[in-house]
């Protein structure tokens, strides 16, 4: 069951990363996009905390790749997307771990 949940979360992260890269191409609203990157990575990592690093990479990497393919000079500004995805994934993983521990029956905690 855990493998199925992990696979679903990774597929959702891939879809979100590609969608966010497409949104980045059409809009200049960086703040909302950064918030979406953070929240999507956090939500998916809360579901599967052990996959947080993979989620951060898969959600954040399509934007710098798309910007470099578009011909951005120097270091693409989309590299910040990886930072927001990483921060969101780490915080989401922490929240997911804490929620799992608090929801565990008290007999198992002891």
N, C-alpha and C. Protein backbone atom coordinates (compact mmCIF):
# COMPACT_ATOMS: atom_id res chain seq x y z
N UNK A 1 0.82 -1.19 0.00
CA UNK A 1 0.00 0.00 0.00
C UNK A 1 0.87 1.26 0.00
N UNK A 2 1.96 1.22 0.77
CA UNK A 2 2.83 2.39 0.84
C UNK A 2 3.47 2.70 -0.51
N UNK A 3 3.83 1.65 -1.26
CA UNK A 3 4.42 1.86 -2.58
C UNK A 3 3.44 2.52 -3.53
N UNK A 4 2.17 2.15 -3.42
CA UNK A 4 1.15 2.75 -4.27
C UNK A 4 0.98 4.23 -3.92
N UNK A 5 0.94 4.55 -2.63
CA UNK A 5 0.81 5.94 -2.20
C UNK A 5 2.02 6.74 -2.65
N UNK A 6 3.20 6.18 -2.51
CA UNK A 6 4.41 6.87 -2.95
C UNK A 6 4.37 7.12 -4.45
N UNK A 7 3.96 6.13 -5.22
CA UNK A 7 3.88 6.30 -6.67
C UNK A 7 2.87 7.38 -7.05
N UNK A 8 1.73 7.40 -6.38
CA UNK A 8 0.72 8.43 -6.66
C UNK A 8 1.26 9.81 -6.32
N UNK A 9 1.94 9.94 -5.18
CA UNK A 9 2.49 11.22 -4.77
C UNK A 9 3.55 11.71 -5.77
N UNK A 10 4.41 10.80 -6.24
CA UNK A 10 5.44 11.18 -7.21
C UNK A 10 4.82 11.60 -8.53
N UNK A 11 3.79 10.89 -8.98
CA UNK A 11 3.11 11.26 -10.22
C UNK A 11 2.45 12.63 -10.08
N UNK A 12 1.81 12.88 -8.93
CA UNK A 12 1.21 14.19 -8.69
C UNK A 12 2.27 15.29 -8.65
N UNK A 13 3.43 14.98 -8.07
CA UNK A 13 4.52 15.96 -8.03
C UNK A 13 5.03 16.27 -9.43
N UNK A 14 5.14 15.24 -10.27
CA UNK A 14 5.56 15.46 -11.67
C UNK A 14 4.55 16.33 -12.41
N UNK A 15 3.28 16.01 -12.24
CA UNK A 15 2.23 16.80 -12.91
C UNK A 15 2.25 18.24 -12.41
N UNK A 16 2.42 18.43 -11.11
CA UNK A 16 2.46 19.78 -10.56
C UNK A 16 3.68 20.54 -11.07
N UNK A 17 4.82 19.89 -11.14
CA UNK A 17 6.03 20.55 -11.63
C UNK A 17 5.90 21.01 -13.07
N UNK A 18 5.34 20.14 -13.91
CA UNK A 18 5.14 20.51 -15.32
C UNK A 18 4.11 21.62 -15.44
N UNK A 19 3.03 21.54 -14.65
CA UNK A 19 2.01 22.58 -14.67
C UNK A 19 2.59 23.92 -14.22
N UNK A 20 3.39 23.90 -13.16
CA UNK A 20 3.99 25.14 -12.66
C UNK A 20 4.98 25.73 -13.68
N UNK A 21 5.70 24.89 -14.39
CA UNK A 21 6.59 25.40 -15.43
C UNK A 21 5.79 26.05 -16.55
N UNK A 22 4.65 25.47 -16.90
CA UNK A 22 3.80 26.07 -17.94
C UNK A 22 3.21 27.39 -17.45
N UNK A 23 2.83 27.45 -16.19
CA UNK A 23 2.31 28.70 -15.62
C UNK A 23 3.40 29.76 -15.61
N UNK A 24 4.62 29.36 -15.30
CA UNK A 24 5.75 30.30 -15.25
C UNK A 24 5.99 30.94 -16.62
N UNK A 25 5.75 30.20 -17.67
CA UNK A 25 5.95 30.73 -19.02
C UNK A 25 4.92 31.79 -19.37
N UNK A 26 3.73 31.73 -18.76
CA UNK A 26 2.64 32.62 -19.14
C UNK A 26 2.39 33.78 -18.19
N UNK A 27 3.01 33.81 -17.03
CA UNK A 27 2.68 34.84 -16.04
C UNK A 27 3.93 35.49 -15.47
N UNK A 28 3.74 36.66 -14.93
CA UNK A 28 4.82 37.36 -14.23
C UNK A 28 4.55 37.46 -12.74
N UNK A 29 3.55 36.75 -12.24
CA UNK A 29 3.19 36.82 -10.83
C UNK A 29 4.03 35.84 -10.03
N UNK A 30 5.23 36.26 -9.72
CA UNK A 30 6.21 35.37 -9.08
C UNK A 30 5.81 34.99 -7.66
N UNK A 31 5.20 35.91 -6.93
CA UNK A 31 4.83 35.62 -5.54
C UNK A 31 3.82 34.51 -5.42
N UNK A 32 2.80 34.55 -6.25
CA UNK A 32 1.79 33.49 -6.20
C UNK A 32 2.39 32.16 -6.65
N UNK A 33 3.22 32.21 -7.65
CA UNK A 33 3.85 30.99 -8.14
C UNK A 33 4.77 30.39 -7.07
N UNK A 34 5.54 31.23 -6.39
CA UNK A 34 6.41 30.75 -5.31
C UNK A 34 5.58 30.12 -4.19
N UNK A 35 4.46 30.75 -3.87
CA UNK A 35 3.57 30.19 -2.85
C UNK A 35 3.00 28.85 -3.26
N UNK A 36 2.62 28.73 -4.52
CA UNK A 36 2.10 27.46 -5.02
C UNK A 36 3.16 26.37 -4.97
N UNK A 37 4.37 26.71 -5.36
CA UNK A 37 5.47 25.72 -5.31
C UNK A 37 5.66 25.24 -3.88
N UNK A 38 5.71 26.18 -2.95
CA UNK A 38 5.91 25.85 -1.54
C UNK A 38 4.77 24.97 -1.02
N UNK A 39 3.52 25.38 -1.27
CA UNK A 39 2.37 24.65 -0.74
C UNK A 39 2.20 23.27 -1.36
N UNK A 40 2.42 23.15 -2.65
CA UNK A 40 2.30 21.84 -3.30
C UNK A 40 3.36 20.88 -2.77
N UNK A 41 4.59 21.35 -2.67
CA UNK A 41 5.66 20.49 -2.14
C UNK A 41 5.38 20.12 -0.68
N UNK A 42 4.88 21.07 0.10
CA UNK A 42 4.59 20.79 1.51
C UNK A 42 3.46 19.77 1.65
N UNK A 43 2.40 19.94 0.87
CA UNK A 43 1.26 19.03 0.98
C UNK A 43 1.64 17.60 0.57
N UNK A 44 2.36 17.48 -0.53
CA UNK A 44 2.75 16.14 -0.98
C UNK A 44 3.75 15.50 -0.03
N UNK A 45 4.64 16.29 0.55
CA UNK A 45 5.62 15.74 1.50
C UNK A 45 4.97 15.38 2.83
N UNK A 46 3.90 16.05 3.18
CA UNK A 46 3.18 15.68 4.41
C UNK A 46 2.55 14.30 4.26
N UNK A 47 2.15 13.96 3.06
CA UNK A 47 1.57 12.64 2.81
C UNK A 47 2.66 11.56 2.83
N UNK A 48 3.81 11.83 2.21
CA UNK A 48 4.93 10.87 2.17
C UNK A 48 6.21 11.57 2.60
N UNK A 49 6.45 11.70 3.90
CA UNK A 49 7.64 12.41 4.38
C UNK A 49 8.96 11.82 3.90
N UNK A 50 9.03 10.52 3.71
CA UNK A 50 10.30 9.90 3.28
C UNK A 50 10.67 10.26 1.85
N UNK A 51 9.72 10.73 1.08
CA UNK A 51 9.97 11.09 -0.32
C UNK A 51 10.13 12.60 -0.49
N UNK A 52 10.39 13.32 0.60
CA UNK A 52 10.43 14.79 0.55
C UNK A 52 11.49 15.32 -0.41
N UNK A 53 12.65 14.73 -0.43
CA UNK A 53 13.72 15.22 -1.31
C UNK A 53 13.34 15.01 -2.77
N UNK A 54 12.80 13.85 -3.08
CA UNK A 54 12.38 13.57 -4.45
C UNK A 54 11.26 14.52 -4.86
N UNK A 55 10.32 14.76 -3.97
CA UNK A 55 9.21 15.66 -4.25
C UNK A 55 9.73 17.06 -4.52
N UNK A 56 10.65 17.53 -3.70
CA UNK A 56 11.21 18.87 -3.90
C UNK A 56 11.87 19.00 -5.27
N UNK A 57 12.62 18.01 -5.65
CA UNK A 57 13.31 18.06 -6.95
C UNK A 57 12.30 18.00 -8.10
N UNK A 58 11.34 17.11 -8.00
CA UNK A 58 10.38 16.93 -9.09
C UNK A 58 9.46 18.14 -9.24
N UNK A 59 9.09 18.78 -8.14
CA UNK A 59 8.23 19.96 -8.21
C UNK A 59 9.02 21.18 -8.65
N UNK A 60 10.24 21.35 -8.15
CA UNK A 60 10.99 22.57 -8.41
C UNK A 60 11.86 22.59 -9.65
N UNK A 61 12.27 21.46 -10.15
CA UNK A 61 13.24 21.42 -11.26
C UNK A 61 12.69 21.79 -12.64
N UNK A 62 11.43 21.51 -12.96
CA UNK A 62 10.97 21.86 -14.31
C UNK A 62 11.05 23.35 -14.65
N UNK A 63 10.93 24.22 -13.68
CA UNK A 63 10.97 25.66 -13.96
C UNK A 63 12.36 26.11 -14.41
N UNK A 64 13.44 25.79 -13.68
CA UNK A 64 14.75 26.19 -14.20
C UNK A 64 15.11 25.52 -15.53
N UNK A 65 14.64 24.30 -15.73
CA UNK A 65 14.91 23.63 -17.01
C UNK A 65 14.20 24.37 -18.14
N UNK A 66 12.94 24.73 -17.93
CA UNK A 66 12.18 25.45 -18.95
C UNK A 66 12.80 26.81 -19.23
N UNK A 67 13.26 27.48 -18.18
CA UNK A 67 13.88 28.80 -18.38
C UNK A 67 15.21 28.69 -19.12
N UNK A 68 15.98 27.67 -18.84
CA UNK A 68 17.25 27.52 -19.55
C UNK A 68 17.02 27.14 -21.01
N UNK A 69 15.99 26.36 -21.29
CA UNK A 69 15.65 26.02 -22.67
C UNK A 69 15.11 27.24 -23.43
N UNK A 70 14.49 28.14 -22.69
CA UNK A 70 13.96 29.36 -23.29
C UNK A 70 15.07 30.34 -23.64
N UNK A 71 16.25 30.13 -23.10
CA UNK A 71 17.39 30.97 -23.45
C UNK A 71 17.70 32.06 -22.46
N UNK A 72 17.37 31.84 -21.20
CA UNK A 72 17.70 32.83 -20.17
C UNK A 72 19.21 32.90 -20.02
N UNK A 73 19.73 34.11 -19.95
CA UNK A 73 21.19 34.28 -19.86
C UNK A 73 21.66 34.07 -18.43
N UNK A 74 22.83 33.50 -18.29
CA UNK A 74 23.41 33.28 -16.97
C UNK A 74 22.66 32.20 -16.21
N UNK A 75 22.66 32.33 -14.90
CA UNK A 75 21.95 31.38 -14.05
C UNK A 75 20.46 31.73 -14.11
N UNK A 76 19.61 30.78 -14.46
CA UNK A 76 18.18 31.10 -14.57
C UNK A 76 17.60 31.51 -13.22
N UNK A 77 16.72 32.48 -13.27
CA UNK A 77 16.06 32.92 -12.05
C UNK A 77 15.16 31.86 -11.46
N UNK A 78 14.81 30.86 -12.26
CA UNK A 78 13.94 29.79 -11.80
C UNK A 78 14.60 28.86 -10.79
N UNK A 79 15.90 29.04 -10.58
CA UNK A 79 16.59 28.20 -9.59
C UNK A 79 16.00 28.43 -8.20
N UNK A 80 15.43 29.60 -7.97
CA UNK A 80 14.77 29.88 -6.69
C UNK A 80 13.60 28.93 -6.47
N UNK A 81 13.03 28.42 -7.55
CA UNK A 81 11.93 27.46 -7.43
C UNK A 81 12.38 26.23 -6.66
N UNK A 82 13.61 25.80 -6.87
CA UNK A 82 14.13 24.65 -6.11
C UNK A 82 14.22 24.96 -4.62
N UNK A 83 14.58 26.19 -4.30
CA UNK A 83 14.64 26.59 -2.89
C UNK A 83 13.28 26.58 -2.23
N UNK A 84 12.28 27.13 -2.93
CA UNK A 84 10.92 27.13 -2.38
C UNK A 84 10.37 25.71 -2.27
N UNK A 85 10.65 24.89 -3.28
CA UNK A 85 10.19 23.50 -3.23
C UNK A 85 10.89 22.73 -2.11
N UNK A 86 12.18 22.98 -1.93
CA UNK A 86 12.91 22.31 -0.85
C UNK A 86 12.41 22.71 0.52
N UNK A 87 12.18 24.01 0.71
CA UNK A 87 11.67 24.48 2.00
C UNK A 87 10.28 23.92 2.26
N UNK A 88 9.43 23.95 1.25
CA UNK A 88 8.09 23.40 1.42
C UNK A 88 8.10 21.92 1.72
N UNK A 89 8.96 21.19 1.02
CA UNK A 89 9.03 19.74 1.23
C UNK A 89 9.53 19.41 2.64
N UNK A 90 10.52 20.14 3.11
CA UNK A 90 11.04 19.86 4.46
C UNK A 90 10.01 20.19 5.53
N UNK A 91 9.34 21.31 5.40
CA UNK A 91 8.32 21.68 6.39
C UNK A 91 7.14 20.72 6.31
N UNK A 92 6.74 20.36 5.09
CA UNK A 92 5.64 19.40 4.94
C UNK A 92 5.99 18.04 5.52
N UNK A 93 7.22 17.59 5.32
CA UNK A 93 7.64 16.31 5.88
C UNK A 93 7.62 16.35 7.40
N UNK A 94 8.07 17.45 7.97
CA UNK A 94 8.04 17.60 9.43
C UNK A 94 6.61 17.55 9.95
N UNK A 95 5.72 18.28 9.30
CA UNK A 95 4.31 18.29 9.72
C UNK A 95 3.72 16.89 9.58
N UNK A 96 4.03 16.20 8.49
CA UNK A 96 3.53 14.85 8.30
C UNK A 96 4.01 13.89 9.38
N UNK A 97 5.28 14.00 9.75
CA UNK A 97 5.83 13.14 10.80
C UNK A 97 5.17 13.43 12.14
N UNK A 98 5.02 14.71 12.46
CA UNK A 98 4.40 15.09 13.73
C UNK A 98 2.95 14.61 13.78
N UNK A 99 2.21 14.78 12.70
CA UNK A 99 0.82 14.33 12.68
C UNK A 99 0.72 12.82 12.82
N UNK A 100 1.63 12.07 12.20
CA UNK A 100 1.60 10.62 12.33
C UNK A 100 1.86 10.19 13.77
N UNK A 101 2.78 10.86 14.43
CA UNK A 101 3.10 10.50 15.82
C UNK A 101 1.98 10.85 16.77
N UNK A 102 1.29 11.95 16.54
CA UNK A 102 0.21 12.34 17.44
C UNK A 102 -1.05 11.53 17.19
N UNK A 103 -1.23 10.98 16.01
CA UNK A 103 -2.42 10.20 15.71
C UNK A 103 -2.26 8.71 16.03
N UNK A 104 -1.06 8.32 16.39
CA UNK A 104 -0.81 6.92 16.74
C UNK A 104 -1.52 6.61 18.07
N UNK A 105 -2.13 5.45 18.20
CA UNK A 105 -2.78 5.09 19.47
C UNK A 105 -1.79 5.14 20.63
N UNK A 106 -2.26 5.51 21.81
CA UNK A 106 -1.37 5.70 22.96
C UNK A 106 -0.69 4.41 23.38
N UNK A 107 -1.23 3.24 23.11
CA UNK A 107 -0.57 1.98 23.46
C UNK A 107 0.71 1.79 22.64
N UNK A 108 0.74 2.29 21.39
CA UNK A 108 1.92 2.15 20.56
C UNK A 108 3.00 3.15 20.94
N UNK A 109 2.63 4.27 21.53
CA UNK A 109 3.60 5.33 21.86
C UNK A 109 4.50 4.92 23.00
N UNK A 110 4.00 4.16 23.91
CA UNK A 110 4.61 3.87 25.17
C UNK A 110 5.89 3.27 25.28
